[in-house]
């Protein structure tokens, strides 16, 4: 398992190991670890945690390059005393089974 960098536009907002997955949906999930830059955009993610986040420009980059996926979503519930989770839906490239052989 390796760390993936999470960007909002050009801003590195954190990392995730994407430690869980669903092979049938080519979707990976994980705990999100925020960078100090996340503070600048956190309010936007909290406000849109239940909505489409396409305008926030989320994308994920691993050691093989940027993951090509249908959508990336960050669920920030820190204002409720919980953590932040990330989901990368419909990973097309690199091939899901190459990135997550055990999922």
C-alpha atoms as a PDB file:
ATOM      1  CA  UNK A   1       0.000   0.000   0.000  1.00  0.00           C
ATOM      2  CA  UNK A   2       1.300   3.455  -0.816  1.00  0.00           C
ATOM      3  CA  UNK A   3       0.277   7.037  -0.184  1.00  0.00           C
ATOM      4  CA  UNK A   4      -1.696   9.035  -2.755  1.00  0.00           C
ATOM      5  CA  UNK A   5      -1.543  12.825  -2.965  1.00  0.00           C
ATOM      6  CA  UNK A   6      -4.889  14.622  -3.047  1.00  0.00           C
ATOM      7  CA  UNK A   7      -5.204  17.947  -4.854  1.00  0.00           C
ATOM      8  CA  UNK A   8      -7.887  20.591  -5.119  1.00  0.00           C
ATOM      9  CA  UNK A   9      -6.873  22.245  -8.367  1.00  0.00           C
ATOM     10  CA  UNK A  10      -3.117  22.857  -8.005  1.00  0.00           C
ATOM     11  CA  UNK A  11      -3.236  22.893  -4.188  1.00  0.00           C
ATOM     12  CA  UNK A  12      -1.963  19.787  -2.373  1.00  0.00           C
ATOM     13  CA  UNK A  13      -4.595  19.389   0.342  1.00  0.00           C
ATOM     14  CA  UNK A  14      -3.584  16.009   1.778  1.00  0.00           C
ATOM     15  CA  UNK A  15      -2.907  12.315   1.390  1.00  0.00           C
ATOM     16  CA  UNK A  16      -4.627   8.967   1.617  1.00  0.00           C
ATOM     17  CA  UNK A  17      -3.572   5.331   1.435  1.00  0.00           C
ATOM     18  CA  UNK A  18      -6.947   4.423  -0.130  1.00  0.00           C
ATOM     19  CA  UNK A  19      -6.914   1.376   2.087  1.00  0.00           C
ATOM     20  CA  UNK A  20     -10.276  -0.111   1.062  1.00  0.00           C
ATOM     21  CA  UNK A  21     -11.799  -0.834  -2.312  1.00  0.00           C
ATOM     22  CA  UNK A  22     -14.587  -2.321  -4.353  1.00  0.00           C
ATOM     23  CA  UNK A  23     -13.197  -4.105  -7.418  1.00  0.00           C
ATOM     24  CA  UNK A  24     -16.633  -4.414  -9.072  1.00  0.00           C
ATOM     25  CA  UNK A  25     -17.103  -0.634  -8.991  1.00  0.00           C
ATOM     26  CA  UNK A  26     -13.394   0.165  -9.479  1.00  0.00           C
ATOM     27  CA  UNK A  27     -13.699   2.410  -6.434  1.00  0.00           C
ATOM     28  CA  UNK A  28     -11.156   3.011  -3.667  1.00  0.00           C
ATOM     29  CA  UNK A  29     -11.816   4.534  -0.250  1.00  0.00           C
ATOM     30  CA  UNK A  30      -9.713   5.676   2.627  1.00  0.00           C
ATOM     31  CA  UNK A  31      -8.954   7.967   5.487  1.00  0.00           C
ATOM     32  CA  UNK A  32      -7.842  11.445   4.400  1.00  0.00           C
ATOM     33  CA  UNK A  33      -4.880  13.099   6.135  1.00  0.00           C
ATOM     34  CA  UNK A  34      -4.992  16.860   5.631  1.00  0.00           C
ATOM     35  CA  UNK A  35      -2.011  19.041   4.777  1.00  0.00           C
ATOM     36  CA  UNK A  36      -1.704  22.524   6.262  1.00  0.00           C
ATOM     37  CA  UNK A  37      -3.084  23.903   2.961  1.00  0.00           C
ATOM     38  CA  UNK A  38      -6.381  22.093   3.556  1.00  0.00           C
ATOM     39  CA  UNK A  39      -7.262  24.789   6.116  1.00  0.00           C
ATOM     40  CA  UNK A  40      -7.670  27.239   3.192  1.00  0.00           C
ATOM     41  CA  UNK A  41     -10.404  25.139   1.528  1.00  0.00           C
ATOM     42  CA  UNK A  42     -11.893  23.113   4.387  1.00  0.00           C
ATOM     43  CA  UNK A  43     -15.025  25.252   4.704  1.00  0.00           C
ATOM     44  CA  UNK A  44     -15.829  24.593   1.017  1.00  0.00           C
ATOM     45  CA  UNK A  45     -15.553  20.826   1.519  1.00  0.00           C
ATOM     46  CA  UNK A  46     -17.661  20.857   4.670  1.00  0.00           C
ATOM     47  CA  UNK A  47     -20.349  22.883   2.873  1.00  0.00           C
ATOM     48  CA  UNK A  48     -20.354  20.446  -0.089  1.00  0.00           C
ATOM     49  CA  UNK A  49     -19.771  17.139   1.704  1.00  0.00           C
ATOM     50  CA  UNK A  50     -23.200  15.817   0.634  1.00  0.00           C
ATOM     51  CA  UNK A  51     -23.110  17.363  -2.855  1.00  0.00           C
ATOM     52  CA  UNK A  52     -21.226  17.134  -6.133  1.00  0.00           C
ATOM     53  CA  UNK A  53     -17.707  18.486  -5.638  1.00  0.00           C
ATOM     54  CA  UNK A  54     -16.682  18.770  -9.293  1.00  0.00           C
ATOM     55  CA  UNK A  55     -16.109  22.527  -9.001  1.00  0.00           C
ATOM     56  CA  UNK A  56     -13.573  21.923  -6.214  1.00  0.00           C
ATOM     57  CA  UNK A  57     -11.237  20.244  -8.741  1.00  0.00           C
ATOM     58  CA  UNK A  58     -10.345  17.154  -6.740  1.00  0.00           C
ATOM     59  CA  UNK A  59      -7.840  14.744  -8.237  1.00  0.00           C
ATOM     60  CA  UNK A  60      -5.542  12.056  -6.872  1.00  0.00           C
ATOM     61  CA  UNK A  61      -1.941  11.334  -7.853  1.00  0.00           C
ATOM     62  CA  UNK A  62      -0.020   8.172  -6.984  1.00  0.00           C
ATOM     63  CA  UNK A  63       3.406   6.818  -7.812  1.00  0.00           C
ATOM     64  CA  UNK A  64       2.112   5.814 -11.280  1.00  0.00           C
ATOM     65  CA  UNK A  65       0.704   9.284 -11.966  1.00  0.00           C
ATOM     66  CA  UNK A  66      -2.744  10.825 -11.778  1.00  0.00           C
ATOM     67  CA  UNK A  67      -5.645   8.435 -11.301  1.00  0.00           C
ATOM     68  CA  UNK A  68      -8.179   8.783 -14.102  1.00  0.00           C
ATOM     69  CA  UNK A  69     -11.556   8.341 -12.417  1.00  0.00           C
ATOM     70  CA  UNK A  70     -15.189   9.303 -12.864  1.00  0.00           C
ATOM     71  CA  UNK A  71     -15.292  11.288  -9.607  1.00  0.00           C
ATOM     72  CA  UNK A  72     -13.438  12.028  -6.392  1.00  0.00           C
ATOM     73  CA  UNK A  73     -15.333  12.933  -3.228  1.00  0.00           C
ATOM     74  CA  UNK A  74     -14.164  14.148   0.167  1.00  0.00           C
ATOM     75  CA  UNK A  75     -16.516  13.693   3.139  1.00  0.00           C
ATOM     76  CA  UNK A  76     -15.369  16.060   5.910  1.00  0.00           C
ATOM     77  CA  UNK A  77     -17.320  15.587   9.142  1.00  0.00           C
ATOM     78  CA  UNK A  78     -14.737  17.141  11.457  1.00  0.00           C
ATOM     79  CA  UNK A  79     -17.324  19.682  12.581  1.00  0.00           C
ATOM     80  CA  UNK A  80     -19.229  16.706  14.055  1.00  0.00           C
ATOM     81  CA  UNK A  81     -16.171  15.276  15.798  1.00  0.00           C
ATOM     82  CA  UNK A  82     -15.513  12.706  13.089  1.00  0.00           C
ATOM     83  CA  UNK A  83     -12.722  12.388  10.533  1.00  0.00           C
ATOM     84  CA  UNK A  84     -12.395  12.920   6.809  1.00  0.00           C
ATOM     85  CA  UNK A  85     -12.864  10.145   4.242  1.00  0.00           C
ATOM     86  CA  UNK A  86     -12.086  10.153   0.536  1.00  0.00           C
ATOM     87  CA  UNK A  87     -13.584   8.051  -2.256  1.00  0.00           C
ATOM     88  CA  UNK A  88     -12.268   7.712  -5.799  1.00  0.00           C
ATOM     89  CA  UNK A  89     -15.102   6.380  -7.976  1.00  0.00           C
ATOM     90  CA  UNK A  90     -14.692   4.483 -11.234  1.00  0.00           C
ATOM     91  CA  UNK A  91     -10.916   4.310 -11.538  1.00  0.00           C
ATOM     92  CA  UNK A  92     -10.100   3.733 -15.202  1.00  0.00           C
ATOM     93  CA  UNK A  93      -6.356   4.318 -15.435  1.00  0.00           C
ATOM     94  CA  UNK A  94      -4.048   2.944 -14.201  1.00  0.00           C
ATOM     95  CA  UNK A  95      -6.047  -0.262 -14.135  1.00  0.00           C
ATOM     96  CA  UNK A  96      -7.772  -0.757 -10.774  1.00  0.00           C
ATOM     97  CA  UNK A  97      -6.484  -4.330 -10.362  1.00  0.00           C
ATOM     98  CA  UNK A  98      -2.887  -3.108 -10.817  1.00  0.00           C
ATOM     99  CA  UNK A  99      -3.243  -0.430  -8.164  1.00  0.00           C
ATOM    100  CA  UNK A 100      -5.209  -2.526  -5.681  1.00  0.00           C
ATOM    101  CA  UNK A 101      -4.479  -6.203  -6.367  1.00  0.00           C
ATOM    102  CA  UNK A 102      -6.033  -7.402  -3.079  1.00  0.00           C
ATOM    103  CA  UNK A 103      -9.328  -5.478  -3.288  1.00  0.00           C
END
